[in-house]
Amino acid sequence: MPLSDAKDAATAVGFMSFPRLPLELRRQIWRLARLCDSDTHQGVSILSCTPEGKAAPLTVYNSCSSVLGACREARQTALETIPLTRKYNPEADILYVDHDTFYKFCDFCREDDWPAEIRHLALSLPVSERGLWLPIALTHMPKMEAISIVFPKATGEVDCHEHVACPKQRGATLRKFTGDEMDSFKISADYLYETHFGDIPIVWTKSTREYIEFVKGELARGARGYDPVCWDEETKSLRLTFDARCFAKAGEP
């Protein structure tokens, strides 16, 4: 018998023997399976503020695990042992900042220590237009690796200032745009930019791909002189990855 067939046969025999294991041992196996599944899930923590203006505790909803659908025993064990939420893990999770909390977030970067651990930041579409503040905040985020721009949808066209609604469903995720969405989804601008010399009309339409490149360029220009850790002096650019995302309900790809 080939070695691969022997391994498959041994696995099948072991799996068939699983129901004969002691109940407590089976439950422990289900607990470990659920914990491993939770640890590999990239969650999203949505920044909010307390009435006192402080950052509310950063939490992430645990993902809907495949263990929940394995069998009744697995589901019961997982629901009993795994909390609904867990603490935000900056090494793995995404911190989402919308237009309501962006300026407070910039204050937190200057005043608090926790933003220094952020690696992946997601910004709502209207926030990406506030380029002056983010380069300053980046000087306080030495571990930053990626920035996602979050759009209100992934089809059709939106105004560059359109509000992004946070999902009410628990466990919502941020999915990346597909290649087709990067090319077909459009962002438009049609407004007056106020200056000391008068109003300047701003009118343009960009694909998502073009818009992400536009944001990268604007942030790079804004970062000159501030020297954040992610600044590359040789290329005059930010050593960060950028992508486009939108909210997806729990369980959606």
C-alpha atoms as a PDB file:
ATOM      1  CA  MET A   1       0.000   0.000   0.000  1.00  0.00           C
ATOM      2  CA  PRO A   2       1.413   3.448  -0.910  1.00  0.00           C
ATOM      3  CA  LEU A   3       2.437   5.589   2.057  1.00  0.00           C
ATOM      4  CA  SER A   4      -0.184   8.253   1.273  1.00  0.00           C
ATOM      5  CA  ASP A   5      -2.957   5.633   1.192  1.00  0.00           C
ATOM      6  CA  ALA A   6      -1.737   4.210   4.488  1.00  0.00           C
ATOM      7  CA  LYS A   7      -1.892   7.658   6.085  1.00  0.00           C
ATOM      8  CA  ASP A   8      -5.417   8.223   4.757  1.00  0.00           C
ATOM      9  CA  ALA A   9      -6.518   4.865   6.093  1.00  0.00           C
ATOM     10  CA  ALA A  10      -5.005   5.586   9.504  1.00  0.00           C
ATOM     11  CA  THR A  11      -6.724   8.972   9.603  1.00  0.00           C
ATOM     12  CA  ALA A  12     -10.062   7.405   8.709  1.00  0.00           C
ATOM     13  CA  VAL A  13      -9.694   4.763  11.428  1.00  0.00           C
ATOM     14  CA  GLY A  14      -8.747   7.428  13.976  1.00  0.00           C
ATOM     15  CA  PHE A  15     -11.730   9.579  13.039  1.00  0.00           C
ATOM     16  CA  MET A  16     -14.120   6.624  13.309  1.00  0.00           C
ATOM     17  CA  SER A  17     -12.759   5.982  16.805  1.00  0.00           C
ATOM     18  CA  PHE A  18     -13.410   9.562  17.952  1.00  0.00           C
ATOM     19  CA  PRO A  19     -16.965   8.903  19.284  1.00  0.00           C
ATOM     20  CA  ARG A  20     -15.568   6.211  21.574  1.00  0.00           C
ATOM     21  CA  LEU A  21     -13.260   8.654  23.352  1.00  0.00           C
ATOM     22  CA  PRO A  22     -14.292   9.801  26.843  1.00  0.00           C
ATOM     23  CA  LEU A  23     -16.713  12.736  26.787  1.00  0.00           C
ATOM     24  CA  GLU A  24     -14.374  15.134  28.591  1.00  0.00           C
ATOM     25  CA  LEU A  25     -11.536  14.351  26.164  1.00  0.00           C
ATOM     26  CA  ARG A  26     -13.803  14.942  23.164  1.00  0.00           C
ATOM     27  CA  ARG A  27     -14.935  18.268  24.653  1.00  0.00           C
ATOM     28  CA  GLN A  28     -11.325  19.307  25.221  1.00  0.00           C
ATOM     29  CA  ILE A  29     -10.545  18.552  21.569  1.00  0.00           C
ATOM     30  CA  TRP A  30     -13.489  20.692  20.448  1.00  0.00           C
ATOM     31  CA  ARG A  31     -12.316  23.519  22.737  1.00  0.00           C
ATOM     32  CA  LEU A  32      -8.823  23.431  21.247  1.00  0.00           C
ATOM     33  CA  ALA A  33     -10.207  23.341  17.705  1.00  0.00           C
ATOM     34  CA  ARG A  34     -12.368  26.395  18.418  1.00  0.00           C
ATOM     35  CA  LEU A  35      -9.486  28.290  20.034  1.00  0.00           C
ATOM     36  CA  CYS A  36      -7.182  27.597  17.080  1.00  0.00           C
ATOM     37  CA  ASP A  37      -9.889  28.762  14.688  1.00  0.00           C
ATOM     38  CA  SER A  38     -10.385  31.978  16.663  1.00  0.00           C
ATOM     39  CA  ASP A  39      -6.671  32.737  16.836  1.00  0.00           C
ATOM     40  CA  THR A  40      -6.298  32.632  13.028  1.00  0.00           C
ATOM     41  CA  HIS A  41      -9.271  34.923  12.363  1.00  0.00           C
ATOM     42  CA  GLN A  42      -8.484  38.517  11.401  1.00  0.00           C
ATOM     43  CA  GLY A  43     -11.065  40.523  13.257  1.00  0.00           C
ATOM     44  CA  VAL A  44     -12.181  44.134  13.003  1.00  0.00           C
ATOM     45  CA  SER A  45     -12.285  46.451  16.002  1.00  0.00           C
ATOM     46  CA  ILE A  46     -14.370  49.597  15.465  1.00  0.00           C
ATOM     47  CA  LEU A  47     -13.012  52.587  17.362  1.00  0.00           C
ATOM     48  CA  SER A  48     -15.543  54.364  19.563  1.00  0.00           C
ATOM     49  CA  CYS A  49     -15.264  56.907  22.356  1.00  0.00           C
ATOM     50  CA  THR A  50     -16.630  57.076  25.872  1.00  0.00           C
ATOM     51  CA  PRO A  51     -18.735  60.064  27.027  1.00  0.00           C
ATOM     52  CA  GLU A  52     -15.533  61.376  28.625  1.00  0.00           C
ATOM     53  CA  GLY A  53     -13.786  61.422  25.245  1.00  0.00           C
ATOM     54  CA  LYS A  54     -11.531  58.444  25.923  1.00  0.00           C
ATOM     55  CA  ALA A  55     -11.109  55.445  23.655  1.00  0.00           C
ATOM     56  CA  ALA A  56     -13.617  52.730  24.528  1.00  0.00           C
ATOM     57  CA  PRO A  57     -12.147  49.246  25.134  1.00  0.00           C
ATOM     58  CA  LEU A  58     -11.116  47.759  21.794  1.00  0.00           C
ATOM     59  CA  THR A  59     -12.811  44.422  21.193  1.00  0.00           C
ATOM     60  CA  VAL A  60     -13.371  42.023  18.310  1.00  0.00           C
ATOM     61  CA  TYR A  61     -16.316  39.704  17.792  1.00  0.00           C
ATOM     62  CA  ASN A  62     -15.147  36.122  17.563  1.00  0.00           C
ATOM     63  CA  SER A  63     -15.716  34.588  14.151  1.00  0.00           C
ATOM     64  CA  CYS A  64     -18.443  32.097  13.294  1.00  0.00           C
ATOM     65  CA  SER A  65     -16.352  28.937  13.425  1.00  0.00           C
ATOM     66  CA  SER A  66     -16.842  25.823  11.319  1.00  0.00           C
ATOM     67  CA  VAL A  67     -16.625  23.942  14.626  1.00  0.00           C
ATOM     68  CA  LEU A  68     -20.135  25.209  15.390  1.00  0.00           C
ATOM     69  CA  GLY A  69     -21.466  23.149  12.497  1.00  0.00           C
ATOM     70  CA  ALA A  70     -19.497  19.965  13.140  1.00  0.00           C
ATOM     71  CA  CYS A  71     -22.055  18.327  15.423  1.00  0.00           C
ATOM     72  CA  ARG A  72     -24.316  19.123  18.361  1.00  0.00           C
ATOM     73  CA  GLU A  73     -21.620  18.252  20.898  1.00  0.00           C
ATOM     74  CA  ALA A  74     -19.047  20.510  19.199  1.00  0.00           C
ATOM     75  CA  ARG A  75     -21.499  23.395  18.953  1.00  0.00           C
ATOM     76  CA  GLN A  76     -22.503  23.141  22.612  1.00  0.00           C
ATOM     77  CA  THR A  77     -18.879  22.990  23.749  1.00  0.00           C
ATOM     78  CA  ALA A  78     -17.868  25.981  21.611  1.00  0.00           C
ATOM     79  CA  LEU A  79     -20.789  28.121  22.778  1.00  0.00           C
ATOM     80  CA  GLU A  80     -20.055  27.315  26.423  1.00  0.00           C
ATOM     81  CA  THR A  81     -16.334  28.001  26.339  1.00  0.00           C
ATOM     82  CA  ILE A  82     -15.683  30.739  23.792  1.00  0.00           C
ATOM     83  CA  PRO A  83     -16.787  34.297  24.650  1.00  0.00           C
ATOM     84  CA  LEU A  84     -18.717  36.403  22.157  1.00  0.00           C
ATOM     85  CA  THR A  85     -15.883  38.926  21.998  1.00  0.00           C
ATOM     86  CA  ARG A  86     -12.156  39.024  22.591  1.00  0.00           C
ATOM     87  CA  LYS A  87      -9.581  41.735  23.116  1.00  0.00           C
ATOM     88  CA  TYR A  88      -8.288  43.519  20.029  1.00  0.00           C
ATOM     89  CA  ASN A  89      -4.936  42.093  18.905  1.00  0.00           C
ATOM     90  CA  PRO A  90      -2.968  44.750  16.977  1.00  0.00           C
ATOM     91  CA  GLU A  91      -0.635  42.114  15.530  1.00  0.00           C
ATOM     92  CA  ALA A  92      -3.480  40.381  13.701  1.00  0.00           C
ATOM     93  CA  ASP A  93      -6.623  42.521  13.733  1.00  0.00           C
ATOM     94  CA  ILE A  94      -7.744  45.621  11.834  1.00  0.00           C
ATOM     95  CA  LEU A  95      -8.610  48.853  13.627  1.00  0.00           C
ATOM     96  CA  TYR A  96     -11.411  50.710  11.841  1.00  0.00           C
ATOM     97  CA  VAL A  97     -11.710  54.486  12.208  1.00  0.00           C
ATOM     98  CA  ASP A  98     -14.647  56.372  10.701  1.00  0.00           C
ATOM     99  CA  HIS A  99     -15.314  60.060  10.063  1.00  0.00           C
ATOM    100  CA  ASP A 100     -16.842  60.567  13.528  1.00  0.00           C
ATOM    101  CA  THR A 101     -13.784  59.353  15.450  1.00  0.00           C
ATOM    102  CA  PHE A 102     -10.898  60.264  13.150  1.00  0.00           C
ATOM    103  CA  TYR A 103      -9.836  63.515  14.811  1.00  0.00           C
ATOM    104  CA  LYS A 104     -10.096  61.940  18.267  1.00  0.00           C
ATOM    105  CA  PHE A 105      -7.993  59.063  16.961  1.00  0.00           C
ATOM    106  CA  CYS A 106      -5.298  61.539  15.915  1.00  0.00           C
ATOM    107  CA  ASP A 107      -5.379  62.923  19.462  1.00  0.00           C
ATOM    108  CA  PHE A 108      -5.044  59.400  20.877  1.00  0.00           C
ATOM    109  CA  CYS A 109      -1.981  58.841  18.682  1.00  0.00           C
ATOM    110  CA  ARG A 110      -0.346  61.894  20.220  1.00  0.00           C
ATOM    111  CA  GLU A 111      -1.457  61.368  23.828  1.00  0.00           C
ATOM    112  CA  ASP A 112      -1.706  57.595  24.394  1.00  0.00           C
ATOM    113  CA  ASP A 113       0.623  54.620  24.012  1.00  0.00           C
ATOM    114  CA  TRP A 114      -1.685  51.991  22.479  1.00  0.00           C
ATOM    115  CA  PRO A 115      -1.727  53.411  18.897  1.00  0.00           C
ATOM    116  CA  ALA A 116       1.996  52.635  18.665  1.00  0.00           C
ATOM    117  CA  GLU A 117       1.093  48.934  18.388  1.00  0.00           C
ATOM    118  CA  ILE A 118      -1.279  49.311  15.410  1.00  0.00           C
ATOM    119  CA  ARG A 119      -0.244  47.442  12.263  1.00  0.00           C
ATOM    120  CA  HIS A 120      -3.354  47.528  10.085  1.00  0.00           C
ATOM    121  CA  LEU A 121      -5.544  50.629   9.991  1.00  0.00           C
ATOM    122  CA  ALA A 122      -8.823  50.907   8.073  1.00  0.00           C
ATOM    123  CA  LEU A 123     -10.255  54.337   7.279  1.00  0.00           C
ATOM    124  CA  SER A 124     -13.736  55.143   6.014  1.00  0.00           C
ATOM    125  CA  LEU A 125     -13.891  56.785   2.591  1.00  0.00           C
ATOM    126  CA  PRO A 126     -14.561  60.359   3.856  1.00  0.00           C
ATOM    127  CA  VAL A 127     -11.545  60.124   6.190  1.00  0.00           C
ATOM    128  CA  SER A 128      -9.196  59.480   3.265  1.00  0.00           C
ATOM    129  CA  GLU A 129      -9.898  63.052   2.143  1.00  0.00           C
ATOM    130  CA  ARG A 130      -8.409  64.442   5.369  1.00  0.00           C
ATOM    131  CA  GLY A 131      -4.834  63.812   4.347  1.00  0.00           C
ATOM    132  CA  LEU A 132      -3.131  66.492   6.462  1.00  0.00           C
ATOM    133  CA  TRP A 133      -3.785  64.808   9.801  1.00  0.00           C
ATOM    134  CA  LEU A 134      -2.884  61.198   9.053  1.00  0.00           C
ATOM    135  CA  PRO A 135       0.817  61.794   8.197  1.00  0.00           C
ATOM    136  CA  ILE A 136       1.209  63.466  11.603  1.00  0.00           C
ATOM    137  CA  ALA A 137      -0.517  60.542  13.311  1.00  0.00           C
ATOM    138  CA  LEU A 138       1.771  58.104  11.478  1.00  0.00           C
ATOM    139  CA  THR A 139       4.755  59.502  13.382  1.00  0.00           C
ATOM    140  CA  HIS A 140       3.250  57.861  16.480  1.00  0.00           C
ATOM    141  CA  MET A 141       2.596  54.487  14.782  1.00  0.00           C
ATOM    142  CA  PRO A 142       6.029  52.920  14.200  1.00  0.00           C
ATOM    143  CA  LYS A 143       4.647  49.426  13.542  1.00  0.00           C
ATOM    144  CA  MET A 144       2.167  50.435  10.841  1.00  0.00           C
ATOM    145  CA  GLU A 145       2.165  48.061   7.864  1.00  0.00           C
ATOM    146  CA  ALA A 146      -1.114  48.491   5.985  1.00  0.00           C
ATOM    147  CA  ILE A 147      -3.908  50.985   5.355  1.00  0.00           C
ATOM    148  CA  SER A 148      -7.304  49.993   3.983  1.00  0.00           C
ATOM    149  CA  ILE A 149      -9.806  52.451   2.547  1.00  0.00           C
ATOM    150  CA  VAL A 150     -13.340  51.293   3.371  1.00  0.00           C
ATOM    151  CA  PHE A 151     -16.085  52.066   0.869  1.00  0.00           C
ATOM    152  CA  PRO A 152     -19.863  52.037   1.493  1.00  0.00           C
ATOM    153  CA  LYS A 153     -20.373  49.482  -1.289  1.00  0.00           C
ATOM    154  CA  ALA A 154     -18.495  47.744  -4.099  1.00  0.00           C
ATOM    155  CA  THR A 155     -20.704  48.347  -7.138  1.00  0.00           C
ATOM    156  CA  GLY A 156     -21.768  51.415  -9.074  1.00  0.00           C
ATOM    157  CA  GLU A 157     -20.462  54.834  -8.059  1.00  0.00           C
ATOM    158  CA  VAL A 158     -20.213  56.887  -4.850  1.00  0.00           C
ATOM    159  CA  ASP A 159     -19.335  60.433  -3.908  1.00  0.00           C
ATOM    160  CA  CYS A 160     -15.954  60.778  -2.208  1.00  0.00           C
ATOM    161  CA  HIS A 161     -17.655  62.141   0.931  1.00  0.00           C
ATOM    162  CA  GLU A 162     -20.342  59.462   1.187  1.00  0.00           C
ATOM    163  CA  HIS A 163     -20.896  58.066   4.677  1.00  0.00           C
ATOM    164  CA  VAL A 164     -19.868  54.473   5.409  1.00  0.00           C
ATOM    165  CA  ALA A 165     -22.388  52.820   7.713  1.00  0.00           C
ATOM    166  CA  CYS A 166     -20.977  50.399  10.264  1.00  0.00           C
ATOM    167  CA  PRO A 167     -22.826  47.080  10.073  1.00  0.00           C
ATOM    168  CA  LYS A 168     -25.239  46.233  12.855  1.00  0.00           C
ATOM    169  CA  GLN A 169     -24.554  42.508  12.511  1.00  0.00           C
ATOM    170  CA  ARG A 170     -22.110  41.054  14.990  1.00  0.00           C
ATOM    171  CA  GLY A 171     -18.918  39.631  13.592  1.00  0.00           C
ATOM    172  CA  ALA A 172     -18.895  41.643  10.359  1.00  0.00           C
ATOM    173  CA  THR A 173     -15.594  41.577   8.473  1.00  0.00           C
ATOM    174  CA  LEU A 174     -13.792  43.770   5.960  1.00  0.00           C
ATOM    175  CA  ARG A 175     -13.324  42.007   2.651  1.00  0.00           C
ATOM    176  CA  LYS A 176     -10.925  43.108  -0.064  1.00  0.00           C
ATOM    177  CA  PHE A 177     -12.236  44.337  -3.387  1.00  0.00           C
ATOM    178  CA  THR A 178     -11.834  41.937  -6.285  1.00  0.00           C
ATOM    179  CA  GLY A 179      -9.800  42.923  -9.312  1.00  0.00           C
ATOM    180  CA  ASP A 180     -12.975  43.625 -11.285  1.00  0.00           C
ATOM    181  CA  GLU A 181     -14.324  45.820  -8.486  1.00  0.00           C
ATOM    182  CA  MET A 182     -11.060  47.763  -8.376  1.00  0.00           C
ATOM    183  CA  ASP A 183     -11.548  48.666 -12.048  1.00  0.00           C
ATOM    184  CA  SER A 184     -15.345  49.030 -12.317  1.00  0.00           C
ATOM    185  CA  PHE A 185     -16.345  50.755  -9.055  1.00  0.00           C
ATOM    186  CA  LYS A 186     -16.121  54.556  -9.349  1.00  0.00           C
ATOM    187  CA  ILE A 187     -15.541  57.376  -6.881  1.00  0.00           C
ATOM    188  CA  SER A 188     -16.494  60.901  -7.914  1.00  0.00           C
ATOM    189  CA  ALA A 189     -15.967  64.411  -6.558  1.00  0.00           C
ATOM    190  CA  ASP A 190     -17.919  67.588  -7.289  1.00  0.00           C
ATOM    191  CA  TYR A 191     -17.461  70.317  -4.675  1.00  0.00           C
ATOM    192  CA  LEU A 192     -15.852  73.686  -3.964  1.00  0.00           C
ATOM    193  CA  TYR A 193     -12.528  73.732  -2.124  1.00  0.00           C
ATOM    194  CA  GLU A 194     -12.257  76.861   0.013  1.00  0.00           C
ATOM    195  CA  THR A 195      -8.964  78.794   0.003  1.00  0.00           C
ATOM    196  CA  HIS A 196      -7.862  82.295   1.013  1.00  0.00           C
ATOM    197  CA  PHE A 197      -7.910  83.224  -2.668  1.00  0.00           C
ATOM    198  CA  GLY A 198     -11.408  81.960  -3.362  1.00  0.00           C
ATOM    199  CA  ASP A 199     -13.230  78.717  -3.980  1.00  0.00           C
ATOM    200  CA  ILE A 200     -11.684  76.149  -6.309  1.00  0.00           C
ATOM    201  CA  PRO A 201     -14.041  73.704  -8.067  1.00  0.00           C
ATOM    202  CA  ILE A 202     -12.992  70.078  -7.621  1.00  0.00           C
ATOM    203  CA  VAL A 203     -14.493  67.719 -10.201  1.00  0.00           C
ATOM    204  CA  TRP A 204     -13.204  64.238 -11.043  1.00  0.00           C
ATOM    205  CA  THR A 205     -14.149  60.574 -11.355  1.00  0.00           C
ATOM    206  CA  LYS A 206     -11.718  57.770 -10.575  1.00  0.00           C
ATOM    207  CA  SER A 207     -11.793  53.995 -10.516  1.00  0.00           C
ATOM    208  CA  THR A 208     -11.074  52.419  -7.143  1.00  0.00           C
ATOM    209  CA  ARG A 209      -7.610  51.461  -8.339  1.00  0.00           C
ATOM    210  CA  GLU A 210      -6.901  55.040  -9.400  1.00  0.00           C
ATOM    211  CA  TYR A 211      -8.320  56.392  -6.161  1.00  0.00           C
ATOM    212  CA  ILE A 212      -6.106  54.168  -3.987  1.00  0.00           C
ATOM    213  CA  GLU A 213      -3.058  55.379  -5.924  1.00  0.00           C
ATOM    214  CA  PHE A 214      -4.285  58.956  -5.453  1.00  0.00           C
ATOM    215  CA  VAL A 215      -4.562  58.467  -1.669  1.00  0.00           C
ATOM    216  CA  LYS A 216      -1.083  56.908  -1.536  1.00  0.00           C
ATOM    217  CA  GLY A 217       0.366  59.885  -3.361  1.00  0.00           C
ATOM    218  CA  GLU A 218      -1.429  62.455  -1.204  1.00  0.00           C
ATOM    219  CA  LEU A 219      -0.317  60.762   2.024  1.00  0.00           C
ATOM    220  CA  ALA A 220       3.259  60.544   0.773  1.00  0.00           C
ATOM    221  CA  ARG A 221       3.303  64.251  -0.026  1.00  0.00           C
ATOM    222  CA  GLY A 222       1.838  65.038   3.372  1.00  0.00           C
ATOM    223  CA  ALA A 223       4.396  62.849   5.164  1.00  0.00           C
ATOM    224  CA  ARG A 224       7.428  64.708   3.840  1.00  0.00           C
ATOM    225  CA  GLY A 225       9.086  66.522   6.694  1.00  0.00           C
ATOM    226  CA  TYR A 226       7.379  64.467   9.412  1.00  0.00           C
ATOM    227  CA  ASP A 227       9.615  61.400   8.893  1.00  0.00           C
ATOM    228  CA  PRO A 228       7.335  58.613  10.173  1.00  0.00           C
ATOM    229  CA  VAL A 229       9.061  55.240  10.564  1.00  0.00           C
ATOM    230  CA  CYS A 230       7.316  53.997   7.417  1.00  0.00           C
ATOM    231  CA  TRP A 231       8.766  56.841   5.303  1.00  0.00           C
ATOM    232  CA  ASP A 232      11.228  55.821   2.570  1.00  0.00           C
ATOM    233  CA  GLU A 233      13.468  58.779   1.826  1.00  0.00           C
ATOM    234  CA  GLU A 234      15.003  57.161  -1.256  1.00  0.00           C
ATOM    235  CA  THR A 235      11.693  56.585  -3.054  1.00  0.00           C
ATOM    236  CA  LYS A 236       9.865  59.490  -1.367  1.00  0.00           C
ATOM    237  CA  SER A 237       7.024  57.127  -0.499  1.00  0.00           C
ATOM    238  CA  LEU A 238       5.468  55.292   2.437  1.00  0.00           C
ATOM    239  CA  ARG A 239       6.492  51.680   3.032  1.00  0.00           C
ATOM    240  CA  LEU A 240       2.885  50.633   3.503  1.00  0.00           C
ATOM    241  CA  THR A 241       0.476  48.429   1.613  1.00  0.00           C
ATOM    242  CA  PHE A 242      -2.848  49.941   0.563  1.00  0.00           C
ATOM    243  CA  ASP A 243      -6.064  48.206  -0.426  1.00  0.00           C
ATOM    244  CA  ALA A 244      -9.798  48.806  -0.870  1.00  0.00           C
ATOM    245  CA  ARG A 245     -12.378  47.041   1.289  1.00  0.00           C
ATOM    246  CA  CYS A 246     -16.028  47.053   2.245  1.00  0.00           C
ATOM    247  CA  PHE A 247     -17.941  45.554   5.135  1.00  0.00           C
ATOM    248  CA  ALA A 248     -19.278  42.032   4.720  1.00  0.00           C
ATOM    249  CA  LYS A 249     -21.704  40.235   6.988  1.00  0.00           C
ATOM    250  CA  ALA A 250     -20.396  37.438   9.199  1.00  0.00           C
ATOM    251  CA  GLY A 251     -19.975  34.272   7.164  1.00  0.00           C
ATOM    252  CA  GLU A 252     -19.727  36.041   3.790  1.00  0.00           C
ATOM    253  CA  PRO A 253     -16.520  35.526   1.769  1.00  0.00           C
END
